[in-house]
N, C-alpha and C. Protein backbone atom coordinates (compact mmCIF):
# COMPACT_ATOMS: atom_id res chain seq x y z
N UNK A 1 -10.10 -3.92 -10.50
CA UNK A 1 -9.25 -2.88 -9.93
C UNK A 1 -8.42 -3.44 -8.77
N UNK A 2 -8.98 -4.34 -8.00
CA UNK A 2 -8.26 -4.87 -6.84
C UNK A 2 -6.93 -5.49 -7.23
N UNK A 3 -6.93 -6.24 -8.32
CA UNK A 3 -5.69 -6.86 -8.79
C UNK A 3 -4.66 -5.83 -9.20
N UNK A 4 -5.12 -4.77 -9.84
CA UNK A 4 -4.22 -3.70 -10.28
C UNK A 4 -3.61 -2.98 -9.07
N UNK A 5 -4.42 -2.70 -8.09
CA UNK A 5 -3.96 -2.02 -6.88
C UNK A 5 -2.93 -2.90 -6.15
N UNK A 6 -3.24 -4.17 -5.98
CA UNK A 6 -2.32 -5.09 -5.30
C UNK A 6 -1.01 -5.19 -6.08
N UNK A 7 -1.09 -5.32 -7.38
CA UNK A 7 0.12 -5.43 -8.22
C UNK A 7 0.99 -4.21 -8.08
N UNK A 8 0.41 -3.04 -8.03
CA UNK A 8 1.18 -1.81 -7.89
C UNK A 8 1.82 -1.74 -6.50
N UNK A 9 1.10 -2.15 -5.47
CA UNK A 9 1.65 -2.17 -4.12
C UNK A 9 2.86 -3.11 -4.07
N UNK A 10 2.71 -4.29 -4.64
CA UNK A 10 3.81 -5.26 -4.66
C UNK A 10 5.00 -4.67 -5.40
N UNK A 11 4.75 -4.06 -6.55
CA UNK A 11 5.84 -3.46 -7.34
C UNK A 11 6.59 -2.40 -6.53
N UNK A 12 5.84 -1.51 -5.88
CA UNK A 12 6.49 -0.43 -5.13
C UNK A 12 7.28 -0.95 -3.93
N UNK A 13 6.72 -1.88 -3.18
CA UNK A 13 7.43 -2.44 -2.02
C UNK A 13 8.67 -3.19 -2.48
N UNK A 14 8.52 -3.96 -3.54
CA UNK A 14 9.65 -4.72 -4.05
C UNK A 14 10.78 -3.80 -4.49
N UNK A 15 10.41 -2.75 -5.20
CA UNK A 15 11.41 -1.81 -5.72
C UNK A 15 12.04 -0.99 -4.61
N UNK A 16 11.23 -0.45 -3.72
CA UNK A 16 11.75 0.47 -2.70
C UNK A 16 12.40 -0.23 -1.50
N UNK A 17 11.89 -1.41 -1.15
CA UNK A 17 12.38 -2.08 0.05
C UNK A 17 13.19 -3.35 -0.26
N UNK A 18 13.21 -3.73 -1.54
CA UNK A 18 13.98 -4.92 -1.92
C UNK A 18 13.39 -6.23 -1.46
N UNK A 19 12.08 -6.23 -1.23
CA UNK A 19 11.39 -7.45 -0.79
C UNK A 19 10.99 -8.25 -2.04
N UNK A 20 11.27 -9.54 -2.04
CA UNK A 20 10.89 -10.38 -3.19
C UNK A 20 9.37 -10.36 -3.34
N UNK A 21 8.89 -10.12 -4.56
CA UNK A 21 7.45 -10.03 -4.79
C UNK A 21 6.66 -11.24 -4.30
N UNK A 22 7.24 -12.43 -4.38
CA UNK A 22 6.50 -13.62 -3.96
C UNK A 22 6.34 -13.71 -2.45
N UNK A 23 7.01 -12.85 -1.70
CA UNK A 23 6.86 -12.84 -0.24
C UNK A 23 5.76 -11.88 0.21
N UNK A 24 5.22 -11.11 -0.70
CA UNK A 24 4.22 -10.09 -0.37
C UNK A 24 2.84 -10.65 -0.68
N UNK A 25 2.01 -10.73 0.38
CA UNK A 25 0.63 -11.20 0.21
C UNK A 25 -0.32 -10.10 0.71
N UNK A 26 -1.59 -10.29 0.44
CA UNK A 26 -2.59 -9.32 0.89
C UNK A 26 -2.59 -9.20 2.42
N UNK A 27 -2.23 -10.28 3.11
CA UNK A 27 -2.26 -10.26 4.56
C UNK A 27 -0.92 -9.94 5.20
N UNK A 28 0.07 -9.61 4.39
CA UNK A 28 1.37 -9.19 4.93
C UNK A 28 1.20 -7.87 5.65
N UNK A 29 1.82 -7.78 6.81
CA UNK A 29 1.82 -6.49 7.51
C UNK A 29 3.02 -5.69 7.01
N UNK A 30 2.92 -4.41 7.09
CA UNK A 30 4.06 -3.58 6.68
C UNK A 30 5.27 -3.91 7.54
N UNK A 31 5.03 -4.16 8.82
CA UNK A 31 6.11 -4.49 9.74
C UNK A 31 6.83 -5.78 9.33
N UNK A 32 6.05 -6.79 8.93
CA UNK A 32 6.65 -8.07 8.53
C UNK A 32 7.48 -7.95 7.26
N UNK A 33 7.24 -6.88 6.50
CA UNK A 33 7.99 -6.63 5.27
C UNK A 33 9.18 -5.69 5.50
N UNK A 34 9.43 -5.40 6.78
CA UNK A 34 10.57 -4.54 7.12
C UNK A 34 10.28 -3.06 6.93
N UNK A 35 9.01 -2.69 6.93
CA UNK A 35 8.62 -1.30 6.73
C UNK A 35 8.19 -0.69 8.05
N UNK A 36 8.63 0.54 8.28
CA UNK A 36 8.15 1.26 9.47
C UNK A 36 7.00 2.18 9.03
N UNK A 37 6.50 2.96 9.97
CA UNK A 37 5.33 3.81 9.67
C UNK A 37 5.66 4.85 8.60
N UNK A 38 6.86 5.37 8.59
CA UNK A 38 7.25 6.34 7.56
C UNK A 38 7.25 5.69 6.18
N UNK A 39 7.77 4.46 6.09
CA UNK A 39 7.75 3.72 4.83
C UNK A 39 6.32 3.54 4.33
N UNK A 40 5.42 3.19 5.24
CA UNK A 40 4.02 2.96 4.87
C UNK A 40 3.38 4.26 4.36
N UNK A 41 3.66 5.37 5.02
CA UNK A 41 3.12 6.66 4.58
C UNK A 41 3.67 7.03 3.20
N UNK A 42 4.95 6.78 2.98
CA UNK A 42 5.55 7.06 1.68
C UNK A 42 4.94 6.17 0.59
N UNK A 43 4.67 4.92 0.92
CA UNK A 43 4.04 4.00 -0.03
C UNK A 43 2.66 4.53 -0.41
N UNK A 44 1.87 4.90 0.56
CA UNK A 44 0.52 5.40 0.28
C UNK A 44 0.61 6.68 -0.54
N UNK A 45 1.56 7.53 -0.23
CA UNK A 45 1.75 8.75 -1.01
C UNK A 45 2.06 8.43 -2.48
N UNK A 46 2.92 7.47 -2.70
CA UNK A 46 3.25 7.02 -4.06
C UNK A 46 2.00 6.47 -4.75
N UNK A 47 1.20 5.71 -4.03
CA UNK A 47 0.00 5.12 -4.61
C UNK A 47 -1.03 6.21 -4.93
N UNK A 48 -1.14 7.20 -4.06
CA UNK A 48 -2.04 8.32 -4.33
C UNK A 48 -1.67 9.00 -5.65
N UNK A 49 -0.36 9.17 -5.85
CA UNK A 49 0.11 9.80 -7.07
C UNK A 49 -0.18 8.93 -8.29
N UNK A 50 0.11 7.65 -8.20
CA UNK A 50 -0.11 6.73 -9.33
C UNK A 50 -1.58 6.70 -9.72
N UNK A 51 -2.47 6.62 -8.75
CA UNK A 51 -3.90 6.47 -9.02
C UNK A 51 -4.66 7.81 -8.97
N UNK A 52 -3.95 8.92 -8.77
CA UNK A 52 -4.53 10.26 -8.76
C UNK A 52 -5.72 10.37 -7.80
N UNK A 53 -5.49 9.98 -6.55
CA UNK A 53 -6.50 10.03 -5.50
C UNK A 53 -5.88 10.64 -4.25
N UNK A 54 -6.73 10.90 -3.26
CA UNK A 54 -6.26 11.39 -1.97
C UNK A 54 -6.89 10.56 -0.86
N UNK A 55 -6.06 10.02 0.00
CA UNK A 55 -6.54 9.27 1.15
C UNK A 55 -6.33 10.15 2.38
N UNK A 56 -7.39 10.44 3.13
CA UNK A 56 -7.26 11.29 4.31
C UNK A 56 -6.23 10.73 5.30
N UNK A 57 -5.44 11.62 5.86
CA UNK A 57 -4.41 11.21 6.80
C UNK A 57 -4.96 10.43 7.98
N UNK A 58 -6.18 10.73 8.40
CA UNK A 58 -6.78 10.02 9.52
C UNK A 58 -6.93 8.52 9.22
N UNK A 59 -7.10 8.17 7.96
CA UNK A 59 -7.25 6.77 7.59
C UNK A 59 -5.91 6.04 7.52
N UNK A 60 -4.84 6.76 7.27
CA UNK A 60 -3.52 6.14 7.10
C UNK A 60 -3.08 5.36 8.32
N UNK A 61 -3.45 5.81 9.49
CA UNK A 61 -3.03 5.15 10.73
C UNK A 61 -3.68 3.78 10.92
N UNK A 62 -4.74 3.51 10.14
CA UNK A 62 -5.44 2.23 10.25
C UNK A 62 -4.84 1.18 9.32
N UNK A 63 -3.94 1.60 8.44
CA UNK A 63 -3.35 0.68 7.47
C UNK A 63 -2.17 -0.06 8.11
N UNK A 64 -2.40 -1.30 8.48
CA UNK A 64 -1.34 -2.13 9.07
C UNK A 64 -0.93 -3.26 8.12
N UNK A 65 -1.82 -3.60 7.19
CA UNK A 65 -1.54 -4.68 6.26
C UNK A 65 -1.72 -4.20 4.83
N UNK A 66 -1.22 -4.98 3.89
CA UNK A 66 -1.38 -4.67 2.48
C UNK A 66 -2.87 -4.63 2.13
N UNK A 67 -3.63 -5.57 2.68
CA UNK A 67 -5.08 -5.60 2.41
C UNK A 67 -5.74 -4.30 2.83
N UNK A 68 -5.42 -3.81 4.01
CA UNK A 68 -6.03 -2.57 4.49
C UNK A 68 -5.65 -1.39 3.60
N UNK A 69 -4.41 -1.34 3.18
CA UNK A 69 -3.98 -0.26 2.28
C UNK A 69 -4.68 -0.35 0.94
N UNK A 70 -4.80 -1.56 0.40
CA UNK A 70 -5.46 -1.76 -0.89
C UNK A 70 -6.94 -1.37 -0.79
N UNK A 71 -7.59 -1.78 0.30
CA UNK A 71 -9.00 -1.44 0.46
C UNK A 71 -9.20 0.07 0.61
N UNK A 72 -8.32 0.73 1.33
CA UNK A 72 -8.41 2.17 1.47
C UNK A 72 -8.20 2.88 0.15
N UNK A 73 -7.27 2.38 -0.63
CA UNK A 73 -7.01 2.96 -1.93
C UNK A 73 -8.18 2.72 -2.88
N UNK A 74 -8.71 1.51 -2.87
CA UNK A 74 -9.87 1.21 -3.72
C UNK A 74 -11.07 2.08 -3.36
N UNK A 75 -11.25 2.33 -2.07
CA UNK A 75 -12.35 3.20 -1.62
C UNK A 75 -12.14 4.61 -2.16
N UNK A 76 -10.91 5.11 -2.10
CA UNK A 76 -10.63 6.45 -2.61
C UNK A 76 -10.82 6.52 -4.12
N UNK A 77 -10.44 5.47 -4.83
CA UNK A 77 -10.60 5.44 -6.29
C UNK A 77 -12.09 5.46 -6.67
N UNK A 78 -12.90 4.76 -5.89
CA UNK A 78 -14.33 4.65 -6.19
C UNK A 78 -15.08 5.97 -5.98
N UNK A 79 -14.52 6.87 -5.23
CA UNK A 79 -15.20 8.13 -4.93
C UNK A 79 -15.07 9.15 -6.04
């Protein structure tokens, strides 16, 4: 599942922000990819829709990197 989640994150960031997929790593911060907090919230919202899960808003503020977002999403999927 981790690979699928990461691949979807890369796809969405690449499509929405125009970032080359090879520049996106698990340790990339949203800021380093040119994303602000609103972009990150929109990304998580898109991911929630794709994977049919809900991530509590309180957790969203802790997502600073792709890894943190992927782990939060995987946790939500597992529940």
